[in-house]
């Protein structure tokens, strides 16, 4: 997964599954962050105050 926009350093990152369960939490350390997920599916990624829906194959 990748995003064109750079995230602010220190911004909080959260990945939620379709049921709203938190799959990953973290902090942006270098303007971008790679996140490993256990399986394919649809996820909501929140970074700071923003959010995006992503599909992982």
PDB file of N, CA and C in Angstrom:
ATOM      1  N   UNK A   1       0.847  -1.161   0.000  1.00  0.00           N
ATOM      2  CA  UNK A   1       0.000   0.000   0.000  1.00  0.00           C
ATOM      3  C   UNK A   1       0.891   1.222   0.000  1.00  0.00           C
ATOM      4  N   UNK A   2       0.501   2.229  -0.696  1.00  0.00           N
ATOM      5  CA  UNK A   2       1.279   3.455  -0.680  1.00  0.00           C
ATOM      6  C   UNK A   2       0.356   4.642  -0.859  1.00  0.00           C
ATOM      7  N   UNK A   3       0.812   5.763  -0.425  1.00  0.00           N
ATOM      8  CA  UNK A   3       0.054   7.007  -0.517  1.00  0.00           C
ATOM      9  C   UNK A   3       0.976   8.072  -1.077  1.00  0.00           C
ATOM     10  N   UNK A   4       0.503   8.889  -1.982  1.00  0.00           N
ATOM     11  CA  UNK A   4       1.335   9.918  -2.596  1.00  0.00           C
ATOM     12  C   UNK A   4       1.707  11.023  -1.620  1.00  0.00           C
ATOM     13  N   UNK A   5       0.773  11.408  -0.760  1.00  0.00           N
ATOM     14  CA  UNK A   5       1.027  12.501   0.174  1.00  0.00           C
ATOM     15  C   UNK A   5       1.910  12.024   1.319  1.00  0.00           C
ATOM     16  N   UNK A   6       2.847  12.876   1.716  1.00  0.00           N
ATOM     17  CA  UNK A   6       3.708  12.569   2.858  1.00  0.00           C
ATOM     18  C   UNK A   6       2.954  12.885   4.138  1.00  0.00           C
ATOM     19  N   UNK A   7       3.068  12.018   5.119  1.00  0.00           N
ATOM     20  CA  UNK A   7       2.440  12.244   6.416  1.00  0.00           C
ATOM     21  C   UNK A   7       3.392  13.040   7.301  1.00  0.00           C
ATOM     22  N   UNK A   8       2.839  13.773   8.240  1.00  0.00           N
ATOM     23  CA  UNK A   8       3.660  14.542   9.163  1.00  0.00           C
ATOM     24  C   UNK A   8       4.425  13.601  10.091  1.00  0.00           C
ATOM     25  N   UNK A   9       5.666  13.937  10.336  1.00  0.00           N
ATOM     26  CA  UNK A   9       6.460  13.167  11.281  1.00  0.00           C
ATOM     27  C   UNK A   9       5.794  13.210  12.647  1.00  0.00           C
ATOM     28  N   UNK A  10       5.722  12.069  13.294  1.00  0.00           N
ATOM     29  CA  UNK A  10       5.119  11.977  14.613  1.00  0.00           C
ATOM     30  C   UNK A  10       3.618  11.772  14.599  1.00  0.00           C
ATOM     31  N   UNK A  11       2.989  11.807  13.394  1.00  0.00           N
ATOM     32  CA  UNK A  11       1.540  11.588  13.314  1.00  0.00           C
ATOM     33  C   UNK A  11       1.219  10.149  13.713  1.00  0.00           C
ATOM     34  N   UNK A  12       0.103   9.973  14.371  1.00  0.00           N
ATOM     35  CA  UNK A  12      -0.329   8.628  14.769  1.00  0.00           C
ATOM     36  C   UNK A  12      -0.984   7.919  13.586  1.00  0.00           C
ATOM     37  N   UNK A  13      -0.703   6.638  13.484  1.00  0.00           N
ATOM     38  CA  UNK A  13      -1.214   5.785  12.417  1.00  0.00           C
ATOM     39  C   UNK A  13      -2.066   4.688  13.040  1.00  0.00           C
ATOM     40  N   UNK A  14      -3.230   4.428  12.432  1.00  0.00           N
ATOM     41  CA  UNK A  14      -4.076   3.334  12.896  1.00  0.00           C
ATOM     42  C   UNK A  14      -4.707   2.668  11.685  1.00  0.00           C
ATOM     43  N   UNK A  15      -4.702   1.336  11.655  1.00  0.00           N
ATOM     44  CA  UNK A  15      -5.330   0.573  10.583  1.00  0.00           C
ATOM     45  C   UNK A  15      -6.461  -0.235  11.203  1.00  0.00           C
ATOM     46  N   UNK A  16      -7.678  -0.066  10.656  1.00  0.00           N
ATOM     47  CA  UNK A  16      -8.851  -0.763  11.161  1.00  0.00           C
ATOM     48  C   UNK A  16      -9.419  -1.685  10.090  1.00  0.00           C
ATOM     49  N   UNK A  17      -9.940  -2.832  10.508  1.00  0.00           N
ATOM     50  CA  UNK A  17     -10.581  -3.732   9.548  1.00  0.00           C
ATOM     51  C   UNK A  17     -12.025  -3.272   9.318  1.00  0.00           C
ATOM     52  N   UNK A  18     -12.774  -4.006   8.491  1.00  0.00           N
ATOM     53  CA  UNK A  18     -14.140  -3.597   8.144  1.00  0.00           C
ATOM     54  C   UNK A  18     -15.084  -3.615   9.343  1.00  0.00           C
ATOM     55  N   UNK A  19     -14.722  -4.326  10.399  1.00  0.00           N
ATOM     56  CA  UNK A  19     -15.542  -4.376  11.609  1.00  0.00           C
ATOM     57  C   UNK A  19     -15.128  -3.331  12.640  1.00  0.00           C
ATOM     58  N   UNK A  20     -14.149  -2.486  12.296  1.00  0.00           N
ATOM     59  CA  UNK A  20     -13.706  -1.438  13.197  1.00  0.00           C
ATOM     60  C   UNK A  20     -12.658  -1.869  14.205  1.00  0.00           C
ATOM     61  N   UNK A  21     -12.170  -3.111  14.079  1.00  0.00           N
ATOM     62  CA  UNK A  21     -11.123  -3.592  14.994  1.00  0.00           C
ATOM     63  C   UNK A  21      -9.781  -3.013  14.587  1.00  0.00           C
ATOM     64  N   UNK A  22      -9.013  -2.576  15.566  1.00  0.00           N
ATOM     65  CA  UNK A  22      -7.689  -2.023  15.300  1.00  0.00           C
ATOM     66  C   UNK A  22      -6.740  -3.173  14.974  1.00  0.00           C
ATOM     67  N   UNK A  23      -6.160  -3.112  13.773  1.00  0.00           N
ATOM     68  CA  UNK A  23      -5.226  -4.144  13.327  1.00  0.00           C
ATOM     69  C   UNK A  23      -3.780  -3.736  13.601  1.00  0.00           C
ATOM     70  N   UNK A  24      -3.480  -2.450  13.459  1.00  0.00           N
ATOM     71  CA  UNK A  24      -2.122  -1.932  13.679  1.00  0.00           C
ATOM     72  C   UNK A  24      -2.211  -0.513  14.223  1.00  0.00           C
ATOM     73  N   UNK A  25      -1.237  -0.164  15.051  1.00  0.00           N
ATOM     74  CA  UNK A  25      -1.068   1.208  15.533  1.00  0.00           C
ATOM     75  C   UNK A  25       0.401   1.553  15.367  1.00  0.00           C
ATOM     76  N   UNK A  26       0.669   2.818  15.204  1.00  0.00           N
ATOM     77  CA  UNK A  26       2.053   3.230  15.096  1.00  0.00           C
ATOM     78  C   UNK A  26       2.176   4.726  15.012  1.00  0.00           C
ATOM     79  N   UNK A  27       3.391   5.168  14.758  1.00  0.00           N
ATOM     80  CA  UNK A  27       3.708   6.577  14.610  1.00  0.00           C
ATOM     81  C   UNK A  27       4.538   6.727  13.344  1.00  0.00           C
ATOM     82  N   UNK A  28       4.240   7.752  12.561  1.00  0.00           N
ATOM     83  CA  UNK A  28       4.996   8.018  11.344  1.00  0.00           C
ATOM     84  C   UNK A  28       6.376   8.543  11.739  1.00  0.00           C
ATOM     85  N   UNK A  29       7.408   7.836  11.301  1.00  0.00           N
ATOM     86  CA  UNK A  29       8.770   8.188  11.691  1.00  0.00           C
ATOM     87  C   UNK A  29       9.557   8.891  10.604  1.00  0.00           C
ATOM     88  N   UNK A  30       9.200   8.684   9.323  1.00  0.00           N
ATOM     89  CA  UNK A  30      10.010   9.248   8.247  1.00  0.00           C
ATOM     90  C   UNK A  30       9.201   9.777   7.069  1.00  0.00           C
ATOM     91  N   UNK A  31       7.976  10.201   7.287  1.00  0.00           N
ATOM     92  CA  UNK A  31       7.140  10.729   6.210  1.00  0.00           C
ATOM     93  C   UNK A  31       6.299   9.687   5.511  1.00  0.00           C
ATOM     94  N   UNK A  32       6.644   8.426   5.694  1.00  0.00           N
ATOM     95  CA  UNK A  32       5.838   7.326   5.167  1.00  0.00           C
ATOM     96  C   UNK A  32       6.054   6.122   6.079  1.00  0.00           C
ATOM     97  N   UNK A  33       5.158   5.166   5.977  1.00  0.00           N
ATOM     98  CA  UNK A  33       5.255   4.007   6.872  1.00  0.00           C
ATOM     99  C   UNK A  33       4.750   2.781   6.135  1.00  0.00           C
ATOM    100  N   UNK A  34       5.482   1.704   6.193  1.00  0.00           N
ATOM    101  CA  UNK A  34       5.053   0.436   5.610  1.00  0.00           C
ATOM    102  C   UNK A  34       4.377  -0.369   6.712  1.00  0.00           C
ATOM    103  N   UNK A  35       3.230  -0.960   6.380  1.00  0.00           N
ATOM    104  CA  UNK A  35       2.457  -1.716   7.364  1.00  0.00           C
ATOM    105  C   UNK A  35       2.169  -3.100   6.803  1.00  0.00           C
ATOM    106  N   UNK A  36       2.543  -4.118   7.539  1.00  0.00           N
ATOM    107  CA  UNK A  36       2.239  -5.502   7.152  1.00  0.00           C
ATOM    108  C   UNK A  36       0.902  -5.886   7.782  1.00  0.00           C
ATOM    109  N   UNK A  37       0.005  -6.461   6.974  1.00  0.00           N
ATOM    110  CA  UNK A  37      -1.299  -6.881   7.468  1.00  0.00           C
ATOM    111  C   UNK A  37      -1.446  -8.387   7.306  1.00  0.00           C
ATOM    112  N   UNK A  38      -2.220  -9.017   8.192  1.00  0.00           N
ATOM    113  CA  UNK A  38      -2.305 -10.478   8.194  1.00  0.00           C
ATOM    114  C   UNK A  38      -3.008 -11.104   6.994  1.00  0.00           C
ATOM    115  N   UNK A  39      -3.903 -10.339   6.329  1.00  0.00           N
ATOM    116  CA  UNK A  39      -4.609 -10.918   5.185  1.00  0.00           C
ATOM    117  C   UNK A  39      -5.129  -9.819   4.273  1.00  0.00           C
ATOM    118  N   UNK A  40      -5.558 -10.215   3.081  1.00  0.00           N
ATOM    119  CA  UNK A  40      -6.119  -9.250   2.145  1.00  0.00           C
ATOM    120  C   UNK A  40      -7.493  -8.814   2.641  1.00  0.00           C
ATOM    121  N   UNK A  41      -7.955  -7.673   2.144  1.00  0.00           N
ATOM    122  CA  UNK A  41      -9.266  -7.170   2.529  1.00  0.00           C
ATOM    123  C   UNK A  41      -9.332  -5.667   2.427  1.00  0.00           C
ATOM    124  N   UNK A  42     -10.398  -5.115   2.954  1.00  0.00           N
ATOM    125  CA  UNK A  42     -10.623  -3.676   2.944  1.00  0.00           C
ATOM    126  C   UNK A  42     -10.315  -3.125   4.331  1.00  0.00           C
ATOM    127  N   UNK A  43      -9.552  -2.045   4.386  1.00  0.00           N
ATOM    128  CA  UNK A  43      -9.126  -1.456   5.649  1.00  0.00           C
ATOM    129  C   UNK A  43      -9.307   0.050   5.612  1.00  0.00           C
ATOM    130  N   UNK A  44      -9.483   0.634   6.777  1.00  0.00           N
ATOM    131  CA  UNK A  44      -9.467   2.082   6.928  1.00  0.00           C
ATOM    132  C   UNK A  44      -8.134   2.442   7.550  1.00  0.00           C
ATOM    133  N   UNK A  45      -7.426   3.367   6.930  1.00  0.00           N
ATOM    134  CA  UNK A  45      -6.139   3.815   7.451  1.00  0.00           C
ATOM    135  C   UNK A  45      -6.314   5.253   7.924  1.00  0.00           C
ATOM    136  N   UNK A  46      -6.032   5.485   9.198  1.00  0.00           N
ATOM    137  CA  UNK A  46      -6.102   6.829   9.769  1.00  0.00           C
ATOM    138  C   UNK A  46      -4.693   7.303  10.079  1.00  0.00           C
ATOM    139  N   UNK A  47      -4.376   8.491   9.598  1.00  0.00           N
ATOM    140  CA  UNK A  47      -3.095   9.122   9.884  1.00  0.00           C
ATOM    141  C   UNK A  47      -3.402  10.539  10.330  1.00  0.00           C
ATOM    142  N   UNK A  48      -3.055  10.846  11.570  1.00  0.00           N
ATOM    143  CA  UNK A  48      -3.421  12.157  12.108  1.00  0.00           C
ATOM    144  C   UNK A  48      -4.922  12.304  12.102  1.00  0.00           C
ATOM    145  N   UNK A  49      -5.417  13.387  11.497  1.00  0.00           N
ATOM    146  CA  UNK A  49      -6.864  13.635  11.429  1.00  0.00           C
ATOM    147  C   UNK A  49      -7.494  13.118  10.149  1.00  0.00           C
ATOM    148  N   UNK A  50      -6.665  12.610   9.222  1.00  0.00           N
ATOM    149  CA  UNK A  50      -7.168  12.117   7.945  1.00  0.00           C
ATOM    150  C   UNK A  50      -7.425  10.624   7.965  1.00  0.00           C
ATOM    151  N   UNK A  51      -8.217  10.168   6.998  1.00  0.00           N
ATOM    152  CA  UNK A  51      -8.517   8.748   6.864  1.00  0.00           C
ATOM    153  C   UNK A  51      -8.701   8.409   5.395  1.00  0.00           C
ATOM    154  N   UNK A  52      -8.374   7.154   5.047  1.00  0.00           N
ATOM    155  CA  UNK A  52      -8.556   6.681   3.681  1.00  0.00           C
ATOM    156  C   UNK A  52      -8.956   5.204   3.717  1.00  0.00           C
ATOM    157  N   UNK A  53      -9.783   4.810   2.774  1.00  0.00           N
ATOM    158  CA  UNK A  53     -10.168   3.411   2.629  1.00  0.00           C
ATOM    159  C   UNK A  53      -9.219   2.776   1.632  1.00  0.00           C
ATOM    160  N   UNK A  54      -8.622   1.635   1.980  1.00  0.00           N
ATOM    161  CA  UNK A  54      -7.702   0.951   1.070  1.00  0.00           C
ATOM    162  C   UNK A  54      -8.096  -0.519   0.950  1.00  0.00           C
ATOM    163  N   UNK A  55      -7.811  -1.091  -0.198  1.00  0.00           N
ATOM    164  CA  UNK A  55      -8.048  -2.503  -0.437  1.00  0.00           C
ATOM    165  C   UNK A  55      -6.705  -3.184  -0.631  1.00  0.00           C
ATOM    166  N   UNK A  56      -6.465  -4.229   0.127  1.00  0.00           N
ATOM    167  CA  UNK A  56      -5.197  -4.968   0.069  1.00  0.00           C
ATOM    168  C   UNK A  56      -5.469  -6.297  -0.606  1.00  0.00           C
ATOM    169  N   UNK A  57      -4.674  -6.606  -1.620  1.00  0.00           N
ATOM    170  CA  UNK A  57      -4.839  -7.872  -2.364  1.00  0.00           C
ATOM    171  C   UNK A  57      -3.850  -8.895  -1.872  1.00  0.00           C
TER     172      UNK A  57
END
